[in-house]
């Protein structure tokens, strides 16, 4: 995953590869010399635990 940032530091496009970002820049006539193309970290999967209700906790006590 790559991000294309403009000269103001605004994320303009996120794509799966560099070529997709370059194609976006070409489509909107953004000069690549004035943009930043940076790899984006993939978000870590979050694990959620099931939450017990207060009623369930009261019955088991």
C-alpha atoms as a PDB file:
ATOM      1  CA  UNK A   1       0.000   0.000   0.000  1.00  0.00           C
ATOM      2  CA  UNK A   2       1.411   3.376  -1.043  1.00  0.00           C
ATOM      3  CA  UNK A   3       0.320   6.931  -0.365  1.00  0.00           C
ATOM      4  CA  UNK A   4       0.757   9.887  -2.696  1.00  0.00           C
ATOM      5  CA  UNK A   5       1.154  13.211  -0.838  1.00  0.00           C
ATOM      6  CA  UNK A   6       1.153  16.650  -2.439  1.00  0.00           C
ATOM      7  CA  UNK A   7       3.487  19.543  -1.595  1.00  0.00           C
ATOM      8  CA  UNK A   8       1.245  20.607   1.322  1.00  0.00           C
ATOM      9  CA  UNK A   9       1.512  17.153   2.901  1.00  0.00           C
ATOM     10  CA  UNK A  10      -2.078  16.199   2.072  1.00  0.00           C
ATOM     11  CA  UNK A  11      -2.717  12.577   1.200  1.00  0.00           C
ATOM     12  CA  UNK A  12      -4.097  12.674  -2.331  1.00  0.00           C
ATOM     13  CA  UNK A  13      -4.307   8.957  -3.123  1.00  0.00           C
ATOM     14  CA  UNK A  14      -3.737   5.537  -1.559  1.00  0.00           C
ATOM     15  CA  UNK A  15      -3.061   2.622  -3.877  1.00  0.00           C
ATOM     16  CA  UNK A  16      -1.913  -0.962  -3.801  1.00  0.00           C
ATOM     17  CA  UNK A  17       1.288  -0.287  -5.713  1.00  0.00           C
ATOM     18  CA  UNK A  18       3.529   2.508  -6.962  1.00  0.00           C
ATOM     19  CA  UNK A  19       2.162   2.286 -10.490  1.00  0.00           C
ATOM     20  CA  UNK A  20      -1.374   3.079  -9.282  1.00  0.00           C
ATOM     21  CA  UNK A  21      -0.119   6.209  -7.513  1.00  0.00           C
ATOM     22  CA  UNK A  22       1.849   7.272 -10.582  1.00  0.00           C
ATOM     23  CA  UNK A  23      -1.229   6.734 -12.781  1.00  0.00           C
ATOM     24  CA  UNK A  24      -3.309   8.906 -10.414  1.00  0.00           C
ATOM     25  CA  UNK A  25      -0.693  11.656 -10.594  1.00  0.00           C
ATOM     26  CA  UNK A  26      -0.664  11.466 -14.395  1.00  0.00           C
ATOM     27  CA  UNK A  27      -4.472  11.516 -14.564  1.00  0.00           C
ATOM     28  CA  UNK A  28      -4.676  14.730 -12.535  1.00  0.00           C
ATOM     29  CA  UNK A  29      -1.471  16.266 -13.999  1.00  0.00           C
ATOM     30  CA  UNK A  30       0.361  16.250 -10.659  1.00  0.00           C
ATOM     31  CA  UNK A  31       4.118  16.528 -11.246  1.00  0.00           C
ATOM     32  CA  UNK A  32       5.768  13.594  -9.448  1.00  0.00           C
ATOM     33  CA  UNK A  33       8.801  15.789  -8.721  1.00  0.00           C
ATOM     34  CA  UNK A  34       6.673  17.853  -6.316  1.00  0.00           C
ATOM     35  CA  UNK A  35       4.882  14.876  -4.679  1.00  0.00           C
ATOM     36  CA  UNK A  36       5.936  12.315  -2.117  1.00  0.00           C
ATOM     37  CA  UNK A  37       5.285   8.627  -2.643  1.00  0.00           C
ATOM     38  CA  UNK A  38       5.531   6.739   0.654  1.00  0.00           C
ATOM     39  CA  UNK A  39       4.790   3.158   1.677  1.00  0.00           C
ATOM     40  CA  UNK A  40       1.803   2.967   4.039  1.00  0.00           C
ATOM     41  CA  UNK A  41       1.831   0.527   6.958  1.00  0.00           C
ATOM     42  CA  UNK A  42      -0.932  -2.036   6.983  1.00  0.00           C
ATOM     43  CA  UNK A  43      -3.173  -1.705  10.045  1.00  0.00           C
ATOM     44  CA  UNK A  44      -2.849  -4.497  12.573  1.00  0.00           C
ATOM     45  CA  UNK A  45      -5.902  -6.673  13.056  1.00  0.00           C
ATOM     46  CA  UNK A  46      -7.603  -5.973  16.354  1.00  0.00           C
ATOM     47  CA  UNK A  47      -8.911  -8.794  18.484  1.00  0.00           C
ATOM     48  CA  UNK A  48     -12.042  -8.072  20.496  1.00  0.00           C
ATOM     49  CA  UNK A  49     -13.081 -10.083  23.507  1.00  0.00           C
ATOM     50  CA  UNK A  50     -16.709 -10.810  24.138  1.00  0.00           C
ATOM     51  CA  UNK A  51     -18.024  -8.527  26.853  1.00  0.00           C
ATOM     52  CA  UNK A  52     -20.103 -10.096  29.594  1.00  0.00           C
ATOM     53  CA  UNK A  53     -23.150  -8.228  30.746  1.00  0.00           C
ATOM     54  CA  UNK A  54     -23.627  -7.362  34.415  1.00  0.00           C
ATOM     55  CA  UNK A  55     -26.478  -9.853  34.662  1.00  0.00           C
ATOM     56  CA  UNK A  56     -24.270 -12.745  33.624  1.00  0.00           C
ATOM     57  CA  UNK A  57     -21.643 -11.743  36.170  1.00  0.00           C
ATOM     58  CA  UNK A  58     -24.241 -11.549  38.972  1.00  0.00           C
ATOM     59  CA  UNK A  59     -25.601 -15.051  38.285  1.00  0.00           C
ATOM     60  CA  UNK A  60     -22.222 -16.759  38.440  1.00  0.00           C
ATOM     61  CA  UNK A  61     -21.349 -15.244  41.860  1.00  0.00           C
END
